[in-house]
Amino acid sequence: MRISLLTASDVQHDLAKAVRRRRRELKLSRHALAERSGVPAPTIKRFESTGQISLRQFLLLWQSVDQLERVAALAAPPPSTPQSIEEVLRDA
């Protein structure tokens, strides 16, 4: 287990800020984003203020304001670290 000062709550709030920032850049009201995403406007308001939302609704919002591939990339396995000098030289 890795030690981190970052909490799940911190990440939730950061994601909410990112969606809100992108919504504003696109000049979308919460109502307009609700129509675009299928997520109710009150849910968007709650998400933007508390960070609380279901994963499904978050993904619907995200794909309405950004590329869903960016979120999907989080599930990709991390690149492997070379275990020997031979692997480093082979991959160079």
C-alpha atoms as a PDB file:
ATOM      1  CA  MET A   1       0.000   0.000   0.000  1.00  0.00           C
ATOM      2  CA  ARG A   2       1.320   3.438  -0.942  1.00  0.00           C
ATOM      3  CA  ILE A   3       1.102   6.357   1.444  1.00  0.00           C
ATOM      4  CA  SER A   4      -0.496   9.477   0.035  1.00  0.00           C
ATOM      5  CA  LEU A   5      -1.772  12.716   1.486  1.00  0.00           C
ATOM      6  CA  LEU A   6      -4.416  12.758  -1.244  1.00  0.00           C
ATOM      7  CA  THR A   7      -7.809  11.457  -0.170  1.00  0.00           C
ATOM      8  CA  ALA A   8     -10.728  10.086  -2.157  1.00  0.00           C
ATOM      9  CA  SER A   9     -12.673  13.187  -1.124  1.00  0.00           C
ATOM     10  CA  ASP A  10      -9.925  15.422  -2.559  1.00  0.00           C
ATOM     11  CA  VAL A  11     -10.146  13.608  -5.885  1.00  0.00           C
ATOM     12  CA  GLN A  12     -13.959  13.809  -5.918  1.00  0.00           C
ATOM     13  CA  HIS A  13     -13.801  17.580  -5.413  1.00  0.00           C
ATOM     14  CA  ASP A  14     -11.073  17.961  -8.044  1.00  0.00           C
ATOM     15  CA  LEU A  15     -13.167  16.025 -10.572  1.00  0.00           C
ATOM     16  CA  ALA A  16     -16.206  18.151  -9.761  1.00  0.00           C
ATOM     17  CA  LYS A  17     -14.139  21.307 -10.265  1.00  0.00           C
ATOM     18  CA  ALA A  18     -12.854  19.972 -13.590  1.00  0.00           C
ATOM     19  CA  VAL A  19     -16.364  19.278 -14.868  1.00  0.00           C
ATOM     20  CA  ARG A  20     -17.613  22.675 -13.655  1.00  0.00           C
ATOM     21  CA  ARG A  21     -14.627  24.467 -15.205  1.00  0.00           C
ATOM     22  CA  ARG A  22     -15.121  22.684 -18.528  1.00  0.00           C
ATOM     23  CA  ARG A  23     -18.893  23.315 -18.439  1.00  0.00           C
ATOM     24  CA  ARG A  24     -18.204  27.023 -18.009  1.00  0.00           C
ATOM     25  CA  GLU A  25     -15.566  27.042 -20.773  1.00  0.00           C
ATOM     26  CA  LEU A  26     -18.187  25.537 -23.070  1.00  0.00           C
ATOM     27  CA  LYS A  27     -20.637  28.207 -21.854  1.00  0.00           C
ATOM     28  CA  LEU A  28     -23.140  25.570 -20.750  1.00  0.00           C
ATOM     29  CA  SER A  29     -25.634  26.140 -17.961  1.00  0.00           C
ATOM     30  CA  ARG A  30     -26.348  23.239 -15.655  1.00  0.00           C
ATOM     31  CA  HIS A  31     -29.681  22.875 -17.422  1.00  0.00           C
ATOM     32  CA  ALA A  32     -27.973  22.699 -20.839  1.00  0.00           C
ATOM     33  CA  LEU A  33     -25.469  20.140 -19.547  1.00  0.00           C
ATOM     34  CA  ALA A  34     -28.357  18.147 -18.089  1.00  0.00           C
ATOM     35  CA  GLU A  35     -30.024  18.035 -21.502  1.00  0.00           C
ATOM     36  CA  ARG A  36     -26.763  17.099 -23.197  1.00  0.00           C
ATOM     37  CA  SER A  37     -25.753  14.392 -20.705  1.00  0.00           C
ATOM     38  CA  GLY A  38     -29.048  12.999 -19.432  1.00  0.00           C
ATOM     39  CA  VAL A  39     -27.979  13.727 -15.839  1.00  0.00           C
ATOM     40  CA  PRO A  40     -30.581  15.802 -13.950  1.00  0.00           C
ATOM     41  CA  ALA A  41     -29.593  19.436 -13.234  1.00  0.00           C
ATOM     42  CA  PRO A  42     -30.061  19.008  -9.443  1.00  0.00           C
ATOM     43  CA  THR A  43     -27.617  16.090  -9.546  1.00  0.00           C
ATOM     44  CA  ILE A  44     -25.104  18.252 -11.427  1.00  0.00           C
ATOM     45  CA  LYS A  45     -25.511  20.998  -8.820  1.00  0.00           C
ATOM     46  CA  ARG A  46     -24.963  18.494  -5.978  1.00  0.00           C
ATOM     47  CA  PHE A  47     -21.913  17.057  -7.751  1.00  0.00           C
ATOM     48  CA  GLU A  48     -20.375  20.473  -8.325  1.00  0.00           C
ATOM     49  CA  SER A  49     -20.872  21.450  -4.682  1.00  0.00           C
ATOM     50  CA  THR A  50     -20.128  18.160  -2.879  1.00  0.00           C
ATOM     51  CA  GLY A  51     -18.307  15.891  -5.333  1.00  0.00           C
ATOM     52  CA  GLN A  52     -20.971  13.205  -4.736  1.00  0.00           C
ATOM     53  CA  ILE A  53     -22.280  11.405  -7.842  1.00  0.00           C
ATOM     54  CA  SER A  54     -22.614   7.870  -9.178  1.00  0.00           C
ATOM     55  CA  LEU A  55     -19.857   6.626 -11.437  1.00  0.00           C
ATOM     56  CA  ARG A  56     -22.330   6.207 -14.315  1.00  0.00           C
ATOM     57  CA  GLN A  57     -23.564   9.786 -14.005  1.00  0.00           C
ATOM     58  CA  PHE A  58     -20.000  11.076 -13.717  1.00  0.00           C
ATOM     59  CA  LEU A  59     -19.089   9.292 -16.951  1.00  0.00           C
ATOM     60  CA  LEU A  60     -22.156  10.737 -18.688  1.00  0.00           C
ATOM     61  CA  LEU A  61     -21.136  14.231 -17.578  1.00  0.00           C
ATOM     62  CA  TRP A  62     -17.497  13.735 -18.501  1.00  0.00           C
ATOM     63  CA  GLN A  63     -18.265  12.529 -22.019  1.00  0.00           C
ATOM     64  CA  SER A  64     -20.431  15.628 -22.468  1.00  0.00           C
ATOM     65  CA  VAL A  65     -17.587  18.017 -21.621  1.00  0.00           C
ATOM     66  CA  ASP A  66     -14.399  16.107 -22.470  1.00  0.00           C
ATOM     67  CA  GLN A  67     -13.039  12.937 -24.044  1.00  0.00           C
ATOM     68  CA  LEU A  68     -14.175   9.766 -22.316  1.00  0.00           C
ATOM     69  CA  GLU A  69     -10.923   8.119 -23.450  1.00  0.00           C
ATOM     70  CA  ARG A  70      -9.068  10.212 -20.852  1.00  0.00           C
ATOM     71  CA  VAL A  71     -11.009   8.508 -18.076  1.00  0.00           C
ATOM     72  CA  ALA A  72     -10.764   5.089 -19.733  1.00  0.00           C
ATOM     73  CA  ALA A  73      -6.968   5.465 -19.791  1.00  0.00           C
ATOM     74  CA  LEU A  74      -6.991   5.287 -15.981  1.00  0.00           C
ATOM     75  CA  ALA A  75      -7.899   1.602 -16.243  1.00  0.00           C
ATOM     76  CA  ALA A  76      -4.942   0.754 -18.485  1.00  0.00           C
ATOM     77  CA  PRO A  77      -2.186  -1.195 -16.762  1.00  0.00           C
ATOM     78  CA  PRO A  78       0.838   0.913 -15.843  1.00  0.00           C
ATOM     79  CA  PRO A  79       3.924   0.506 -18.004  1.00  0.00           C
ATOM     80  CA  SER A  80       6.260  -2.145 -16.669  1.00  0.00           C
ATOM     81  CA  THR A  81       9.520  -1.126 -15.076  1.00  0.00           C
ATOM     82  CA  PRO A  82      12.617  -2.793 -16.515  1.00  0.00           C
ATOM     83  CA  GLN A  83      13.934  -5.470 -14.178  1.00  0.00           C
ATOM     84  CA  SER A  84      17.429  -5.716 -15.639  1.00  0.00           C
ATOM     85  CA  ILE A  85      19.968  -3.726 -17.633  1.00  0.00           C
ATOM     86  CA  GLU A  86      19.320  -6.085 -20.551  1.00  0.00           C
ATOM     87  CA  GLU A  87      15.677  -4.982 -20.648  1.00  0.00           C
ATOM     88  CA  VAL A  88      16.718  -1.329 -20.576  1.00  0.00           C
ATOM     89  CA  LEU A  89      19.145  -1.828 -23.458  1.00  0.00           C
ATOM     90  CA  ARG A  90      16.662  -3.899 -25.452  1.00  0.00           C
ATOM     91  CA  ASP A  91      13.946  -1.237 -25.159  1.00  0.00           C
ATOM     92  CA  ALA A  92      16.280   1.668 -26.015  1.00  0.00           C
END
